[in-house]
Amino acid sequence: MPFADFGFMKYLASVVDILLVWYVIYKLIMIIRGTKAVQLMKGIFVILLVRVVSAFFGLKTLSWLTEQAITWGFLAIIIIFQPELRRTLEQLGRGKFFSRSSAQVDEDREKMVNAIIKATEYMAKRRIGALISIERETGMSDYIETGIPLNSIISSELLINIFIPNTPLHDGAVIIQKGSIAAAACYLPLSESPFISKELGTRHRAALGISEVTDSITVVVSEETGGVSITKNGELHRDLQPDAFKEMLTNELVQNNNNILKQASSARWNWRGKKNG
């Protein structure tokens, strides 16, 4: 092999090596995103920054303390990040560390949206109160920890059963994360906005509250009126008609939404159960 070719192969190997390391770091960040580990990572960066500054200004005692923290930090990281490391290894073992194709993601989201629409129609007609929050980019793991973990496949039947009155899980929110029902009976932060109508209860305030601190989409079914609302980006879209509800939910959650919109428009229902056309 010519020397030039050998040099090119070394250069290519270095580029591939760097890209793979960055990809692994990116996936690790995505896994700990929305968890308490993010705050711990900030603490580690602060320690590293203090170490550099103390070395630059010759602060020997502070430099020694931060050096000891860094020296024993690897063991501390293993202990502190045990849940995240375990989850990473589980995903690697299941072959989920690498991303799925966009087509598969869209198909899963279509199934999720169809299940939510079907469950919402059922509960709205019977005035069963419900609160369903769907995670997007901003992690919701801290709120998931407040509820009962389910890690279940999404189905309309399960969503309906969760919110049936006087059942153990009906009081609180269902949080959907990564295409599955992560937990039920979760506590969401209540909005403190003074502009919220006095007619709205705790469910609507919780839906608005979570939309103010995350980019999630939250569906609310009122047990008093059977009205269906959606919150996003701190805004409440109240008492949506069935077609408007389906269209908004689909547009927000499904990238390629042509198929699901056709399914939604094939049967037009109002919330009282009467079929139109």
Protein backbone atom coordinates (compact mmCIF):
# COMPACT_ATOMS: atom_id res chain seq x y z
CA MET A 1 0.00 0.00 0.00
CA PRO A 2 1.45 3.45 -0.93
CA PHE A 3 2.42 5.75 1.92
CA ALA A 4 -0.14 8.36 0.83
CA ASP A 5 -2.94 5.79 1.00
CA PHE A 6 -1.79 4.72 4.45
CA GLY A 7 -1.89 8.35 5.67
CA PHE A 8 -5.38 8.79 4.21
CA MET A 9 -6.63 5.65 5.99
CA LYS A 10 -5.25 6.93 9.31
CA TYR A 11 -6.97 10.27 8.74
CA LEU A 12 -10.26 8.52 7.83
CA ALA A 13 -10.02 6.25 10.89
CA SER A 14 -9.50 9.31 13.13
CA VAL A 15 -12.56 11.04 11.65
CA VAL A 16 -14.71 7.92 12.10
CA ASP A 17 -13.40 7.52 15.65
CA ILE A 18 -14.34 11.10 16.57
CA LEU A 19 -17.79 10.81 14.97
CA LEU A 20 -18.53 7.57 16.85
CA VAL A 21 -17.45 9.09 20.17
CA TRP A 22 -19.65 12.15 19.57
CA TYR A 23 -22.58 9.91 18.63
CA VAL A 24 -22.22 7.89 21.84
CA ILE A 25 -22.02 11.10 23.89
CA TYR A 26 -25.13 12.42 22.11
CA LYS A 27 -27.11 9.24 22.85
CA LEU A 28 -26.03 9.36 26.50
CA ILE A 29 -27.20 12.97 26.75
CA MET A 30 -30.55 12.01 25.19
CA ILE A 31 -30.95 9.21 27.74
CA ILE A 32 -30.31 11.40 30.80
CA ARG A 33 -32.28 14.30 29.30
CA GLY A 34 -35.11 15.38 31.60
CA THR A 35 -33.76 13.54 34.64
CA LYS A 36 -32.03 14.71 37.79
CA ALA A 37 -28.76 13.56 36.24
CA VAL A 38 -28.74 16.74 34.16
CA GLN A 39 -28.33 18.83 37.31
CA LEU A 40 -25.53 16.52 38.49
CA MET A 41 -23.79 16.95 35.13
CA LYS A 42 -23.89 20.72 35.62
CA GLY A 43 -22.23 20.22 39.00
CA ILE A 44 -19.43 18.21 37.37
CA PHE A 45 -18.82 20.98 34.82
CA VAL A 46 -18.66 23.52 37.66
CA ILE A 47 -15.98 21.42 39.42
CA LEU A 48 -13.94 21.19 36.19
CA LEU A 49 -14.24 24.94 35.69
CA VAL A 50 -13.11 25.63 39.27
CA ARG A 51 -10.13 23.31 38.72
CA VAL A 52 -8.99 25.23 35.64
CA VAL A 53 -9.47 28.64 37.28
CA SER A 54 -7.70 27.64 40.51
CA ALA A 55 -4.72 26.26 38.53
CA PHE A 56 -4.56 29.45 36.45
CA PHE A 57 -4.50 31.77 39.50
CA GLY A 58 -2.30 29.46 41.61
CA LEU A 59 -4.89 28.69 44.29
CA LYS A 60 -3.13 25.62 45.66
CA THR A 61 -5.62 24.49 48.32
CA LEU A 62 -8.66 24.86 46.08
CA SER A 63 -6.75 23.23 43.24
CA TRP A 64 -5.87 20.26 45.48
CA LEU A 65 -9.49 19.84 46.61
CA THR A 66 -10.87 19.89 43.07
CA GLU A 67 -8.12 17.52 41.93
CA GLN A 68 -9.16 15.02 44.61
CA ALA A 69 -12.80 15.40 43.56
CA ILE A 70 -11.86 14.67 39.95
CA THR A 71 -9.60 11.75 40.93
CA TRP A 72 -12.38 9.99 42.83
CA GLY A 73 -15.11 11.37 40.60
CA PHE A 74 -15.21 8.37 38.28
CA LEU A 75 -16.29 6.07 41.11
CA ALA A 76 -18.79 8.67 42.30
CA ILE A 77 -20.26 8.97 38.79
CA ILE A 78 -20.87 5.21 38.65
CA ILE A 79 -22.75 5.38 41.96
CA ILE A 80 -24.67 8.58 41.24
CA PHE A 81 -25.64 7.68 37.67
CA GLN A 82 -26.50 4.05 38.41
CA PRO A 83 -30.12 4.24 37.10
CA GLU A 84 -29.06 6.00 33.88
CA LEU A 85 -26.16 3.59 33.27
CA ARG A 86 -28.45 0.61 33.85
CA ARG A 87 -31.00 2.03 31.44
CA THR A 88 -28.29 2.62 28.82
CA LEU A 89 -27.04 -0.97 29.10
CA GLU A 90 -30.61 -2.29 28.90
CA GLN A 91 -31.27 -0.30 25.73
CA LEU A 92 -27.98 -1.48 24.25
CA GLY A 93 -28.88 -5.09 25.03
CA ARG A 94 -32.31 -4.69 23.44
CA GLY A 95 -30.83 -3.12 20.34
CA LYS A 96 -32.56 0.21 20.99
CA PHE A 97 -29.41 2.30 21.35
CA PHE A 98 -29.45 3.18 17.68
CA SER A 99 -32.34 5.20 16.34
CA ARG A 100 -35.16 3.63 14.40
CA SER A 101 -36.11 4.72 10.94
CA SER A 102 -38.32 7.79 10.61
CA ALA A 103 -40.97 5.66 8.88
CA GLN A 104 -41.18 3.34 11.90
CA VAL A 105 -41.34 6.32 14.26
CA ASP A 106 -44.19 7.87 12.26
CA GLU A 107 -46.08 4.57 12.23
CA ASP A 108 -45.77 4.25 16.01
CA ARG A 109 -46.91 7.83 16.49
CA GLU A 110 -49.93 7.26 14.26
CA LYS A 111 -50.95 4.30 16.40
CA MET A 112 -50.48 6.41 19.53
CA VAL A 113 -52.57 9.28 18.18
CA ASN A 114 -55.33 6.91 17.04
CA ALA A 115 -55.44 5.35 20.52
CA ILE A 116 -55.64 8.76 22.22
CA ILE A 117 -58.38 9.94 19.84
CA LYS A 118 -60.46 6.81 20.37
CA ALA A 119 -60.07 6.94 24.17
CA THR A 120 -60.85 10.67 24.25
CA GLU A 121 -64.07 10.20 22.24
CA TYR A 122 -65.22 7.48 24.62
CA MET A 123 -64.45 9.46 27.77
CA ALA A 124 -65.86 12.74 26.43
CA LYS A 125 -69.21 11.13 25.61
CA ARG A 126 -69.42 9.74 29.15
CA ARG A 127 -67.90 12.78 30.86
CA ILE A 128 -65.00 10.85 32.33
CA GLY A 129 -62.29 13.27 33.42
CA ALA A 130 -58.86 12.60 31.92
CA LEU A 131 -55.40 14.17 31.73
CA ILE A 132 -52.90 12.79 29.19
CA SER A 133 -49.50 14.43 28.63
CA ILE A 134 -47.23 13.41 25.74
CA GLU A 135 -43.51 14.05 26.08
CA ARG A 136 -41.67 15.61 23.15
CA GLU A 137 -38.19 17.16 23.27
CA THR A 138 -38.17 18.31 26.90
CA GLY A 139 -37.81 15.35 29.24
CA MET A 140 -40.56 14.61 31.78
CA SER A 141 -38.83 11.93 33.83
CA ASP A 142 -39.03 13.97 37.04
CA TYR A 143 -42.83 14.09 36.72
CA ILE A 144 -43.01 10.41 35.78
CA GLU A 145 -41.29 9.58 39.07
CA THR A 146 -44.24 11.09 40.98
CA GLY A 147 -46.67 8.51 39.57
CA ILE A 148 -47.10 4.76 39.31
CA PRO A 149 -44.77 3.28 36.66
CA LEU A 150 -46.52 1.24 33.95
CA ASN A 151 -44.22 1.10 30.89
CA SER A 152 -47.17 -0.24 28.91
CA ILE A 153 -48.07 -0.38 25.25
CA ILE A 154 -50.50 2.41 24.38
CA SER A 155 -54.07 1.33 23.72
CA SER A 156 -57.38 3.16 23.93
CA GLU A 157 -58.77 0.46 26.22
CA LEU A 158 -55.96 0.91 28.75
CA LEU A 159 -56.27 4.70 28.71
CA ILE A 160 -60.02 4.46 29.31
CA ASN A 161 -59.59 1.94 32.11
CA ILE A 162 -57.03 4.14 33.89
CA PHE A 163 -59.43 7.11 34.12
CA ILE A 164 -62.57 5.22 35.15
CA PRO A 165 -63.72 6.95 38.37
CA ASN A 166 -62.82 5.42 41.75
CA THR A 167 -60.02 3.28 40.33
CA PRO A 168 -56.55 3.49 41.95
CA LEU A 169 -54.91 5.32 39.01
CA HIS A 170 -57.66 7.68 37.85
CA ASP A 171 -56.57 10.67 39.95
CA GLY A 172 -53.62 12.35 38.25
CA ALA A 173 -52.04 12.43 34.81
CA VAL A 174 -50.95 9.76 32.39
CA ILE A 175 -47.56 10.55 30.86
CA ILE A 176 -46.64 9.05 27.50
CA GLN A 177 -42.91 8.80 26.85
CA LYS A 178 -41.13 7.28 23.84
CA GLY A 179 -44.23 5.61 22.49
CA SER A 180 -45.43 3.94 25.68
CA ILE A 181 -47.46 4.80 28.78
CA ALA A 182 -44.63 5.53 31.19
CA ALA A 183 -46.73 6.16 34.31
CA ALA A 184 -50.18 7.03 35.63
CA ALA A 185 -51.41 9.04 38.62
CA CYS A 186 -48.60 11.55 38.04
CA TYR A 187 -48.54 15.01 39.62
CA LEU A 188 -48.06 17.92 37.22
CA PRO A 189 -47.19 21.48 38.26
CA LEU A 190 -50.20 23.80 38.47
CA SER A 191 -50.15 27.00 36.47
CA GLU A 192 -50.12 30.18 38.53
CA SER A 193 -51.27 32.39 35.69
CA PRO A 194 -53.83 34.99 36.88
CA PHE A 195 -55.52 34.93 33.48
CA ILE A 196 -56.95 31.41 33.82
CA SER A 197 -60.72 31.31 33.91
CA LYS A 198 -62.24 30.58 37.31
CA GLU A 199 -64.39 27.93 35.62
CA LEU A 200 -61.36 25.72 35.04
CA GLY A 201 -60.42 23.09 37.58
CA THR A 202 -57.24 21.38 38.68
CA ARG A 203 -56.88 19.27 35.52
CA HIS A 204 -56.81 22.30 33.24
CA ARG A 205 -54.43 24.16 35.56
CA ALA A 206 -52.10 21.15 35.62
CA ALA A 207 -52.25 20.85 31.83
CA LEU A 208 -51.37 24.53 31.48
CA GLY A 209 -48.67 24.25 34.14
CA ILE A 210 -46.82 21.42 32.40
CA SER A 211 -47.09 23.22 29.05
CA GLU A 212 -45.37 26.25 30.61
CA VAL A 213 -42.29 24.28 31.70
CA THR A 214 -42.05 21.69 28.89
CA ASP A 215 -42.91 21.42 25.20
CA SER A 216 -45.32 18.55 25.86
CA ILE A 217 -48.78 18.21 24.35
CA THR A 218 -51.48 17.62 26.98
CA VAL A 219 -55.05 16.45 26.41
CA VAL A 220 -57.74 17.30 28.97
CA VAL A 221 -61.26 15.86 29.18
CA SER A 222 -63.59 17.75 31.50
CA GLU A 223 -65.71 15.59 33.76
CA GLU A 224 -68.23 18.44 34.20
CA THR A 225 -68.92 19.20 30.53
CA GLY A 226 -67.21 16.45 28.53
CA GLY A 227 -65.30 19.18 26.67
CA VAL A 228 -61.92 18.29 25.21
CA SER A 229 -58.98 20.70 25.36
CA ILE A 230 -55.31 20.70 24.39
CA THR A 231 -52.49 22.68 25.99
CA LYS A 232 -49.14 23.48 24.37
CA ASN A 233 -46.52 26.19 24.84
CA GLY A 234 -48.47 27.73 27.72
CA GLU A 235 -51.66 28.07 25.66
CA LEU A 236 -55.04 26.44 26.29
CA HIS A 237 -57.09 25.41 23.25
CA ARG A 238 -60.40 24.88 25.00
CA ASP A 239 -63.52 22.89 24.07
CA LEU A 240 -62.27 21.72 20.68
CA GLN A 241 -64.65 20.17 18.18
CA PRO A 242 -63.79 16.55 17.29
CA ASP A 243 -62.33 17.34 13.87
CA ALA A 244 -60.28 20.25 15.23
CA PHE A 245 -59.02 18.08 18.09
CA LYS A 246 -57.94 15.29 15.74
CA GLU A 247 -56.25 17.68 13.35
CA MET A 248 -54.33 19.54 16.06
CA LEU A 249 -53.18 16.38 17.82
CA THR A 250 -52.08 14.82 14.54
CA ASN A 251 -50.26 17.92 13.31
CA GLU A 252 -48.34 18.23 16.57
CA LEU A 253 -47.35 14.59 17.03
CA VAL A 254 -47.13 12.97 13.60
CA GLN A 255 -44.67 14.24 11.02
CA ASN A 256 -46.23 12.47 8.05
CA ASN A 257 -49.89 12.86 8.97
CA ASN A 258 -51.76 12.35 5.70
CA ASN A 259 -52.90 8.80 6.47
CA ILE A 260 -54.17 9.48 9.96
CA LEU A 261 -56.05 12.59 8.86
CA LYS A 262 -57.87 10.49 6.26
CA GLN A 263 -58.79 7.96 8.96
CA ALA A 264 -60.00 10.73 11.26
CA SER A 265 -62.17 12.32 8.58
CA SER A 266 -63.73 9.01 7.49
CA ALA A 267 -65.99 9.00 10.56
CA ARG A 268 -67.02 12.33 12.07
CA TRP A 269 -68.31 12.17 15.60
CA ASN A 270 -69.30 14.83 18.03
CA TRP A 271 -68.51 14.43 21.73
CA ARG A 272 -72.10 13.37 22.50
CA GLY A 273 -71.78 10.25 20.38
CA LYS A 274 -73.83 11.31 17.38
CA LYS A 275 -72.34 10.45 14.01
CA ASN A 276 -72.36 13.19 11.38
CA GLY A 277 -72.85 12.24 7.74
